[in-house]
């Protein structure tokens, strides 16, 4: 049909040349020399500090969960595309990132079969059924985590550290018990595999910033708005120890730098990024302070993902002028 509008060999050649210049593809659309595969590889590298610390902190069981989640995510994407006779996209490393992020959001004691189920859900249900990379409306790893939380609340909220099963620091805070904020900062506490060490997460965040993978609009506005919300509505006034514990606990840093900044499920407009970050900060604060769960990051980001089209609609930059149409009589 593209050639039907062309008349003559010269016009046909021109049409063929133009068709070669344009490559129609799904989002995310980033004007940069880096490919999707290279960007995803940068994310994998940035997640290594948190992953390595998680294995050191929780032992070989954490490494097993990481390997299983990554392997199942890659295999699920390959099998799905094979089934529908679609070109394989596993070389873009997006499935590896999904598996790694999912594993870092799981307790190291989670049964392997539940991790397998969550990995399949992340790739097949959240990602591939909506068209693959660029078409998913929410972060696949967080979608799978919330699915597992709803389906297997017992195992997803059971945390063991140094052989002792107990509550996470945020749960202790909610019960009015004291916590050691330095241990929360370093990561020697109960929690999911990759959320406990703020130091390791910040090292990864610096890597993302240096590689130019993310800017600070979303994470900065997210963390700042959350801190303001906690100071106003947290019920502890300007207690810096309480604020520090809230910032270091519950996967806030992991979510702010690695999941809220996902190209596909976050706004592309500069103002939209800030609005998105503020929205996430308020939602996380609402869930933590007034909700039944001491967490809130995962649900806040997923809800924010659903509102991205509305945010972008109202934050698209307007043109400085308009060209008046000239009518010829």
Protein backbone atom coordinates (compact mmCIF):
# COMPACT_ATOMS: atom_id res chain seq x y z
CA UNK A 1 0.00 0.00 0.00
CA UNK A 2 2.95 2.31 0.59
CA UNK A 3 3.85 2.08 -3.09
CA UNK A 4 0.30 2.62 -4.32
CA UNK A 5 0.59 6.37 -3.81
CA UNK A 6 3.78 6.59 -5.86
CA UNK A 7 3.78 7.14 -9.58
CA UNK A 8 6.73 6.17 -11.73
CA UNK A 9 10.07 4.60 -10.92
CA UNK A 10 11.50 7.81 -9.46
CA UNK A 11 8.66 8.20 -7.00
CA UNK A 12 8.84 4.51 -6.09
CA UNK A 13 12.56 4.81 -5.34
CA UNK A 14 11.90 7.88 -3.16
CA UNK A 15 9.22 6.03 -1.20
CA UNK A 16 11.53 3.07 -0.64
CA UNK A 17 14.29 5.36 0.63
CA UNK A 18 11.92 7.10 3.06
CA UNK A 19 10.57 3.77 4.31
CA UNK A 20 14.13 2.71 5.10
CA UNK A 21 14.72 5.83 7.22
CA UNK A 22 11.83 5.25 9.62
CA UNK A 23 11.71 2.46 12.16
CA UNK A 24 8.33 2.09 13.83
CA UNK A 25 8.60 0.55 17.29
CA UNK A 26 6.97 0.57 20.70
CA UNK A 27 8.01 2.74 23.62
CA UNK A 28 10.16 3.60 25.39
CA UNK A 29 11.44 6.23 22.94
CA UNK A 30 14.69 7.82 24.07
CA UNK A 31 16.81 9.94 21.74
CA UNK A 32 20.17 8.52 22.72
CA UNK A 33 22.97 6.47 21.22
CA UNK A 34 22.45 3.79 23.88
CA UNK A 35 20.28 0.84 22.92
CA UNK A 36 17.65 -0.72 25.16
CA UNK A 37 20.01 -3.65 25.76
CA UNK A 38 22.83 -1.37 26.89
CA UNK A 39 20.53 0.58 29.22
CA UNK A 40 19.20 -2.63 30.76
CA UNK A 41 22.76 -3.86 31.20
CA UNK A 42 23.58 -0.66 33.07
CA UNK A 43 20.61 -1.34 35.36
CA UNK A 44 21.84 -4.89 36.01
CA UNK A 45 25.29 -3.53 36.90
CA UNK A 46 23.71 -0.94 39.20
CA UNK A 47 21.71 -3.65 40.97
CA UNK A 48 24.79 -5.76 41.68
CA UNK A 49 25.77 -3.98 44.93
CA UNK A 50 22.33 -4.60 46.46
CA UNK A 51 22.31 -8.17 45.09
CA UNK A 52 25.76 -9.01 46.44
CA UNK A 53 24.95 -7.52 49.83
CA UNK A 54 21.68 -9.46 49.90
CA UNK A 55 23.54 -12.73 49.33
CA UNK A 56 26.12 -11.86 52.00
CA UNK A 57 23.38 -10.78 54.41
CA UNK A 58 20.93 -13.64 53.90
CA UNK A 59 23.10 -16.46 52.59
CA UNK A 60 23.01 -18.95 49.73
CA UNK A 61 19.19 -19.09 49.80
CA UNK A 62 19.10 -15.49 48.56
CA UNK A 63 21.46 -16.34 45.69
CA UNK A 64 19.26 -19.29 44.74
CA UNK A 65 16.15 -17.10 44.61
CA UNK A 66 17.94 -14.51 42.46
CA UNK A 67 19.14 -17.15 39.98
CA UNK A 68 15.71 -18.81 39.82
CA UNK A 69 13.81 -15.56 39.24
CA UNK A 70 16.20 -14.38 36.50
CA UNK A 71 16.25 -17.78 34.77
CA UNK A 72 12.46 -18.22 34.86
CA UNK A 73 11.82 -14.66 33.61
CA UNK A 74 14.17 -15.14 30.64
CA UNK A 75 12.77 -18.60 29.90
CA UNK A 76 9.17 -17.35 30.14
CA UNK A 77 9.80 -14.55 27.66
CA UNK A 78 11.59 -16.88 25.24
CA UNK A 79 8.85 -19.54 25.48
CA UNK A 80 6.00 -17.05 25.05
CA UNK A 81 7.57 -15.47 21.96
CA UNK A 82 8.33 -18.93 20.57
CA UNK A 83 4.72 -19.94 21.10
CA UNK A 84 3.28 -16.95 19.24
CA UNK A 85 6.01 -17.05 16.55
CA UNK A 86 7.42 -13.67 17.51
CA UNK A 87 11.06 -12.64 17.22
CA UNK A 88 12.90 -13.27 20.48
CA UNK A 89 13.70 -10.19 22.57
CA UNK A 90 15.58 -11.83 25.43
CA UNK A 91 18.79 -10.19 24.20
CA UNK A 92 17.56 -6.79 25.41
CA UNK A 93 18.15 -7.88 29.05
CA UNK A 94 14.76 -6.52 30.15
CA UNK A 95 13.70 -9.97 31.38
CA UNK A 96 16.94 -10.19 33.38
CA UNK A 97 16.18 -6.84 35.01
CA UNK A 98 12.63 -7.95 35.82
CA UNK A 99 13.83 -11.19 37.39
CA UNK A 100 16.53 -9.45 39.39
CA UNK A 101 14.19 -6.73 40.68
CA UNK A 102 11.56 -9.30 41.59
CA UNK A 103 14.07 -11.39 43.54
CA UNK A 104 15.34 -8.33 45.41
CA UNK A 105 11.75 -7.64 46.49
CA UNK A 106 11.25 -11.12 47.97
CA UNK A 107 12.10 -12.51 51.42
CA UNK A 108 14.90 -15.05 51.15
CA UNK A 109 12.71 -17.68 52.86
CA UNK A 110 10.06 -17.63 50.12
CA UNK A 111 9.36 -21.11 48.67
CA UNK A 112 11.02 -21.57 45.29
CA UNK A 113 7.77 -22.55 43.55
CA UNK A 114 6.18 -19.26 44.59
CA UNK A 115 9.15 -17.34 43.16
CA UNK A 116 8.73 -19.31 39.92
CA UNK A 117 5.03 -18.47 39.81
CA UNK A 118 5.74 -14.79 40.44
CA UNK A 119 8.37 -14.70 37.69
CA UNK A 120 5.99 -16.23 35.15
CA UNK A 121 3.27 -13.78 36.20
CA UNK A 122 5.64 -10.82 35.78
CA UNK A 123 6.67 -11.75 32.24
CA UNK A 124 3.61 -13.43 30.74
CA UNK A 125 0.72 -11.58 32.41
CA UNK A 126 2.10 -8.11 33.11
CA UNK A 127 4.56 -7.75 30.22
CA UNK A 128 4.02 -10.05 27.24
CA UNK A 129 0.21 -10.17 27.12
CA UNK A 130 0.25 -6.39 26.71
CA UNK A 131 2.73 -6.49 23.83
CA UNK A 132 6.12 -6.84 25.48
CA UNK A 133 8.67 -4.20 26.43
CA UNK A 134 7.21 -0.74 25.99
CA UNK A 135 3.57 -1.83 26.16
CA UNK A 136 3.20 -2.89 29.80
CA UNK A 137 1.17 -0.44 31.88
CA UNK A 138 2.87 -1.24 35.20
CA UNK A 139 6.28 -2.35 36.37
CA UNK A 140 6.34 -6.15 35.85
CA UNK A 141 8.45 -6.90 38.94
CA UNK A 142 6.19 -4.85 41.21
CA UNK A 143 3.08 -6.30 39.61
CA UNK A 144 4.37 -9.78 40.41
CA UNK A 145 5.33 -8.77 43.95
CA UNK A 146 1.84 -7.45 44.65
CA UNK A 147 0.35 -10.62 43.11
CA UNK A 148 2.44 -12.72 45.49
CA UNK A 149 1.54 -10.49 48.45
CA UNK A 150 -2.16 -10.95 47.78
CA UNK A 151 -1.88 -14.68 47.02
CA UNK A 152 0.69 -15.75 49.61
CA UNK A 153 0.60 -13.11 52.33
CA UNK A 154 1.98 -15.48 54.96
CA UNK A 155 5.24 -16.37 53.22
CA UNK A 156 5.68 -12.91 51.68
CA UNK A 157 5.54 -11.21 55.09
CA UNK A 158 7.62 -13.75 57.00
CA UNK A 159 11.14 -12.50 57.58
CA UNK A 160 14.06 -14.31 59.17
CA UNK A 161 17.39 -12.76 60.10
CA UNK A 162 20.27 -14.56 61.80
CA UNK A 163 18.05 -17.59 62.20
CA UNK A 164 15.38 -15.64 64.10
CA UNK A 165 11.96 -14.95 62.62
CA UNK A 166 10.73 -11.47 63.44
CA UNK A 167 9.19 -8.25 62.22
CA UNK A 168 10.83 -5.77 59.86
CA UNK A 169 11.99 -2.41 61.26
CA UNK A 170 8.93 -0.66 59.81
CA UNK A 171 6.62 -3.14 61.54
CA UNK A 172 8.49 -2.53 64.80
CA UNK A 173 8.09 1.23 64.37
CA UNK A 174 4.39 0.79 63.74
CA UNK A 175 4.13 -1.13 67.03
CA UNK A 176 5.93 1.69 68.85
CA UNK A 177 9.16 -0.26 69.35
CA UNK A 178 12.62 1.33 68.95
CA UNK A 179 14.84 0.51 65.95
CA UNK A 180 18.51 0.96 65.14
CA UNK A 181 18.65 3.37 62.20
CA UNK A 182 22.36 2.70 61.61
CA UNK A 183 21.64 -1.00 61.09
CA UNK A 184 18.83 -0.01 58.71
CA UNK A 185 21.22 2.23 56.77
CA UNK A 186 23.88 -0.47 56.53
CA UNK A 187 21.34 -3.24 55.89
CA UNK A 188 21.93 -5.67 58.76
CA UNK A 189 18.21 -6.05 59.47
CA UNK A 190 15.28 -8.22 58.46
CA UNK A 191 13.62 -7.48 55.13
CA UNK A 192 13.58 -8.52 51.51
CA UNK A 193 16.81 -9.53 49.78
CA UNK A 194 17.61 -6.19 48.17
CA UNK A 195 15.81 -3.54 50.19
CA UNK A 196 17.73 -3.53 53.48
CA UNK A 197 21.04 -1.83 52.62
CA UNK A 198 20.60 1.85 51.77
CA UNK A 199 24.36 2.08 51.19
CA UNK A 200 24.31 -0.61 48.49
CA UNK A 201 21.23 0.93 46.84
CA UNK A 202 22.80 4.40 46.78
CA UNK A 203 25.95 2.99 45.18
CA UNK A 204 23.74 1.52 42.47
CA UNK A 205 21.85 4.81 42.12
CA UNK A 206 25.13 6.68 41.58
CA UNK A 207 26.03 4.20 38.85
CA UNK A 208 22.67 4.86 37.12
CA UNK A 209 23.21 8.61 37.33
CA UNK A 210 26.80 8.44 36.04
CA UNK A 211 25.71 6.26 33.10
CA UNK A 212 22.92 8.73 32.36
CA UNK A 213 20.21 6.10 32.75
CA UNK A 214 18.11 8.19 35.14
CA UNK A 215 17.88 11.79 36.27
CA UNK A 216 17.00 12.89 39.77
CA UNK A 217 13.55 14.39 39.12
CA UNK A 218 11.51 11.34 40.08
CA UNK A 219 13.59 9.94 42.99
CA UNK A 220 14.30 13.38 44.48
CA UNK A 221 10.67 14.55 44.35
CA UNK A 222 9.53 11.14 45.62
CA UNK A 223 11.84 11.06 48.64
CA UNK A 224 11.40 14.76 49.49
CA UNK A 225 7.59 14.71 49.29
CA UNK A 226 7.48 11.52 51.36
CA UNK A 227 9.72 13.10 54.02
CA UNK A 228 7.49 16.19 54.20
CA UNK A 229 4.38 14.01 54.48
CA UNK A 230 5.90 11.95 57.31
CA UNK A 231 6.96 15.06 59.21
CA UNK A 232 3.47 16.54 58.97
CA UNK A 233 1.26 13.47 59.36
CA UNK A 234 3.55 10.84 60.89
CA UNK A 235 2.49 11.67 64.44
CA UNK A 236 6.07 12.05 65.68
CA UNK A 237 6.60 15.72 64.88
CA UNK A 238 10.13 16.59 63.75
CA UNK A 239 11.67 13.42 65.16
CA UNK A 240 14.67 12.92 62.87
CA UNK A 241 15.28 9.37 64.10
CA UNK A 242 11.73 8.40 63.11
CA UNK A 243 12.08 10.14 59.74
CA UNK A 244 15.43 8.44 59.04
CA UNK A 245 13.96 5.04 59.86
CA UNK A 246 11.05 5.65 57.51
CA UNK A 247 13.42 6.69 54.71
CA UNK A 248 15.75 3.72 55.20
CA UNK A 249 13.07 1.07 55.61
CA UNK A 250 10.55 -0.70 53.45
CA UNK A 251 12.22 -0.57 50.08
CA UNK A 252 11.69 3.18 49.63
CA UNK A 253 15.17 3.77 48.23
CA UNK A 254 15.05 0.70 45.98
CA UNK A 255 11.66 1.76 44.67
CA UNK A 256 12.60 5.41 44.19
CA UNK A 257 15.77 4.82 42.18
CA UNK A 258 15.13 1.54 40.38
CA UNK A 259 11.38 1.05 39.89
CA UNK A 260 9.74 4.46 39.91
CA UNK A 261 12.22 5.56 37.21
CA UNK A 262 11.26 2.77 34.78
CA UNK A 263 11.16 4.36 31.30
CA UNK A 264 8.02 2.56 30.19
CA UNK A 265 5.80 3.17 33.21
CA UNK A 266 6.88 6.68 34.24
CA UNK A 267 6.17 10.08 32.61
CA UNK A 268 8.47 11.40 29.90
CA UNK A 269 7.78 15.10 30.44
CA UNK A 270 10.07 16.98 32.87
CA UNK A 271 7.17 18.43 34.84
CA UNK A 272 5.37 15.11 34.72
CA UNK A 273 8.35 13.40 36.37
CA UNK A 274 8.18 15.79 39.32
CA UNK A 275 4.40 15.46 39.63
CA UNK A 276 4.78 11.68 39.45
CA UNK A 277 7.42 11.69 42.19
CA UNK A 278 5.31 13.88 44.47
CA UNK A 279 2.30 11.63 43.89
CA UNK A 280 4.34 8.56 44.86
CA UNK A 281 5.62 10.27 47.99
CA UNK A 282 2.11 11.18 49.11
CA UNK A 283 0.69 7.74 48.31
CA UNK A 284 3.51 5.95 50.14
CA UNK A 285 2.98 8.20 53.15
CA UNK A 286 -0.76 7.57 53.11
CA UNK A 287 -0.30 3.80 52.94
CA UNK A 288 2.29 3.76 55.71
CA UNK A 289 0.66 6.18 58.13
CA UNK A 290 -3.03 5.47 57.62
CA UNK A 291 -3.03 2.03 55.94
CA UNK A 292 -3.09 -1.41 57.46
CA UNK A 293 0.36 -2.31 56.08
CA UNK A 294 3.66 -0.87 57.30
CA UNK A 295 5.00 -0.85 53.72
CA UNK A 296 3.37 0.92 50.78
CA UNK A 297 6.05 1.50 48.14
CA UNK A 298 4.94 -1.25 45.75
CA UNK A 299 1.27 -0.29 45.77
CA UNK A 300 2.10 3.41 45.50
CA UNK A 301 4.25 2.92 42.39
CA UNK A 302 1.71 0.64 40.70
CA UNK A 303 -1.11 3.11 41.36
CA UNK A 304 1.14 5.89 40.08
CA UNK A 305 1.84 3.85 36.92
CA UNK A 306 -1.89 3.76 36.20
CA UNK A 307 -2.10 7.56 36.46
CA UNK A 308 0.86 8.27 34.15
CA UNK A 309 -1.30 8.90 31.02
CA UNK A 310 -3.29 11.55 32.92
CA UNK A 311 -0.11 13.16 34.28
CA UNK A 312 1.42 13.34 30.81
CA UNK A 313 -1.79 14.76 29.32
CA UNK A 314 -1.64 17.79 31.61
CA UNK A 315 2.14 18.30 31.57
CA UNK A 316 2.87 18.26 27.83
CA UNK A 317 4.80 21.45 26.99
CA UNK A 318 2.77 23.94 24.94
CA UNK A 319 4.01 25.59 21.76
CA UNK A 320 5.04 29.24 22.03
CA UNK A 321 2.99 30.30 19.04
CA UNK A 322 0.38 29.21 16.55
CA UNK A 323 0.40 29.30 12.79
CA UNK A 324 -2.74 30.81 11.39
CA UNK A 325 -4.20 28.95 8.47
CA UNK A 326 -4.42 31.08 5.33
CA UNK A 327 -7.46 30.48 3.21
CA UNK A 328 -7.16 30.98 -0.54
CA UNK A 329 -10.28 32.26 -2.21
